[in-house]
Amino acid sequence: MSQRSNVSPSTLGIELAESGIAVEYLDGREVFYHGVPEAVSGTLRTPPGKEVHVLVTDPTETEGVMLYVNDRKTHDEVLESTGVGRVFVDPDEEEEVFPGVEVRTEGHRVLVDADPEVARGRVFVFAEDDMSEHSYEMVNEE
């Protein structure tokens, strides 16, 4: 197996729609996250064993940056060509992946804390596998 490493993300085009969120990769391909994200304030604990993606939009909500958390499947070259970043977070460690967005692990779960005001955009988290897809939007308590 080849070495996997942290990869810095690039700015990607995004489109927020009533039916979900579209992300356009640098190579022109597009992925669509279906459904209206569930609003979460405080710490998000993703379901165990899911692939976790974090997307932070810019203030205009037309661009954003995306990271895969602890993804061991995708080759570095693929991530670099698409513009998606990757971060590895060791157990019992916390990593600020974007200003105002921190991730950590707990067993087979990824935990995300985010302050959209500090992030200066909307913060979305997607947790998926072959069986299910979950989408969340991190919000501040009112």
Protein backbone atom coordinates (compact mmCIF):
# COMPACT_ATOMS: atom_id res chain seq x y z
CA MET A 1 0.00 0.00 0.00
CA SER A 2 1.35 3.42 -0.90
CA GLN A 3 1.90 6.14 1.66
CA ARG A 4 -1.02 8.46 2.43
CA SER A 5 -0.43 11.97 3.73
CA ASN A 6 -2.16 15.20 4.63
CA VAL A 7 -3.13 17.14 1.49
CA SER A 8 -3.96 20.86 1.40
CA PRO A 9 -7.33 21.70 -0.17
CA SER A 10 -7.93 24.08 -3.07
CA THR A 11 -10.88 26.38 -3.61
CA LEU A 12 -13.77 24.55 -5.27
CA GLY A 13 -16.99 25.75 -6.86
CA ILE A 14 -20.14 24.93 -4.89
CA GLU A 15 -23.85 25.32 -5.40
CA LEU A 16 -26.34 25.21 -2.56
CA ALA A 17 -29.78 24.00 -3.67
CA GLU A 18 -32.98 22.95 -1.92
CA SER A 19 -32.27 19.34 -2.87
CA GLY A 20 -28.66 19.30 -1.65
CA ILE A 21 -25.15 20.61 -2.21
CA ALA A 22 -23.10 20.33 -5.41
CA VAL A 23 -19.32 20.52 -5.30
CA GLU A 24 -17.31 20.93 -8.52
CA TYR A 25 -13.83 19.45 -8.40
CA LEU A 26 -10.84 21.08 -10.10
CA ASP A 27 -10.89 18.34 -12.75
CA GLY A 28 -14.45 19.34 -13.76
CA ARG A 29 -16.25 16.40 -12.15
CA GLU A 30 -19.07 17.13 -9.73
CA VAL A 31 -20.37 15.40 -6.62
CA PHE A 32 -23.84 15.99 -5.18
CA TYR A 33 -24.67 15.55 -1.50
CA HIS A 34 -28.41 14.85 -1.38
CA GLY A 35 -30.92 16.33 1.03
CA VAL A 36 -31.22 19.25 3.40
CA PRO A 37 -28.44 19.08 6.01
CA GLU A 38 -29.52 18.61 9.61
CA ALA A 39 -28.66 21.67 11.73
CA VAL A 40 -26.28 20.86 14.61
CA SER A 41 -25.06 23.19 17.33
CA GLY A 42 -22.32 22.10 19.68
CA THR A 43 -20.28 18.98 18.95
CA LEU A 44 -21.27 16.74 16.06
CA ARG A 45 -20.54 13.05 16.66
CA THR A 46 -20.67 11.29 13.29
CA PRO A 47 -21.96 7.73 13.05
CA PRO A 48 -19.12 5.22 13.56
CA GLY A 49 -17.12 3.95 10.61
CA LYS A 50 -18.31 6.54 8.08
CA GLU A 51 -16.20 8.48 5.59
CA VAL A 52 -16.27 12.08 6.83
CA HIS A 53 -15.98 15.15 4.60
CA VAL A 54 -15.92 18.74 5.89
CA LEU A 55 -16.91 21.61 3.58
CA VAL A 56 -16.52 25.28 4.50
CA THR A 57 -18.04 27.85 2.16
CA ASP A 58 -16.85 31.37 1.51
CA PRO A 59 -19.16 34.26 2.54
CA THR A 60 -20.75 34.31 -0.95
CA GLU A 61 -21.59 30.59 -0.69
CA THR A 62 -20.34 29.99 -4.26
CA GLU A 63 -16.89 28.63 -3.36
CA GLY A 64 -15.51 26.52 -0.60
CA VAL A 65 -12.82 24.16 0.60
CA MET A 66 -13.31 20.48 1.36
CA LEU A 67 -11.34 18.02 3.48
CA TYR A 68 -11.60 14.28 3.96
CA VAL A 69 -10.92 13.26 7.57
CA ASN A 70 -8.79 10.12 8.14
CA ASP A 71 -9.41 8.86 4.57
CA ARG A 72 -6.99 6.02 3.85
CA LYS A 73 -8.49 4.93 0.50
CA THR A 74 -7.89 7.89 -1.79
CA HIS A 75 -4.45 8.33 -3.35
CA ASP A 76 -2.69 11.68 -2.80
CA GLU A 77 -2.57 12.31 -6.56
CA VAL A 78 -6.34 11.94 -6.87
CA LEU A 79 -6.94 14.42 -4.07
CA GLU A 80 -4.47 16.89 -5.56
CA SER A 81 -6.13 16.68 -9.01
CA THR A 82 -9.61 17.21 -7.57
CA GLY A 83 -8.69 19.95 -5.07
CA VAL A 84 -10.00 18.02 -2.07
CA GLY A 85 -7.75 18.04 0.98
CA ARG A 86 -7.14 15.36 3.57
CA VAL A 87 -6.18 15.43 7.22
CA PHE A 88 -5.28 12.58 9.53
CA VAL A 89 -6.23 13.02 13.17
CA ASP A 90 -4.69 10.64 15.69
CA PRO A 91 -6.72 9.31 18.61
CA ASP A 92 -6.87 11.75 21.52
CA GLU A 93 -5.68 14.61 19.32
CA GLU A 94 -7.62 17.62 18.09
CA GLU A 95 -6.84 19.40 14.84
CA GLU A 96 -8.01 22.83 13.71
CA VAL A 97 -8.64 22.07 10.04
CA PHE A 98 -9.94 25.54 9.14
CA PRO A 99 -10.28 28.68 11.28
CA GLY A 100 -13.12 27.94 13.68
CA VAL A 101 -13.39 24.24 12.69
CA GLU A 102 -11.86 21.51 14.82
CA VAL A 103 -12.00 17.72 14.40
CA ARG A 104 -11.03 14.86 16.68
CA THR A 105 -11.73 11.15 16.90
CA GLU A 106 -13.48 9.04 19.49
CA GLY A 107 -13.25 5.35 18.72
CA HIS A 108 -14.53 4.94 15.15
CA ARG A 109 -16.35 8.30 15.19
CA VAL A 110 -15.20 11.72 14.05
CA LEU A 111 -16.25 14.66 16.22
CA VAL A 112 -16.55 18.13 14.72
CA ASP A 113 -16.84 21.47 16.50
CA ALA A 114 -17.34 24.58 14.41
CA ASP A 115 -18.09 28.25 14.77
CA PRO A 116 -19.39 29.50 11.39
CA GLU A 117 -18.74 33.12 12.38
CA VAL A 118 -15.04 32.40 12.89
CA ALA A 119 -15.00 30.23 9.74
CA ARG A 120 -16.55 33.18 7.85
CA GLY A 121 -18.88 30.86 5.96
CA ARG A 122 -21.19 27.91 6.33
CA VAL A 123 -19.77 24.65 7.64
CA PHE A 124 -21.14 21.34 6.35
CA VAL A 125 -20.18 17.81 7.40
CA PHE A 126 -21.00 14.72 5.35
CA ALA A 127 -20.72 11.21 6.81
CA GLU A 128 -21.29 8.36 4.38
CA ASP A 129 -20.58 4.81 3.36
CA ASP A 130 -22.10 2.36 0.88
CA MET A 131 -25.21 1.98 3.05
CA SER A 132 -26.15 5.55 4.04
CA GLU A 133 -25.41 9.23 3.67
CA HIS A 134 -25.78 11.84 6.42
CA SER A 135 -25.39 15.59 6.00
CA TYR A 136 -25.13 18.23 8.69
CA GLU A 137 -24.73 21.98 8.91
CA MET A 138 -22.87 23.32 11.92
CA VAL A 139 -24.72 26.32 13.40
CA ASN A 140 -24.25 28.52 16.44
CA GLU A 141 -26.78 28.26 19.24
CA GLU A 142 -29.24 31.13 19.19
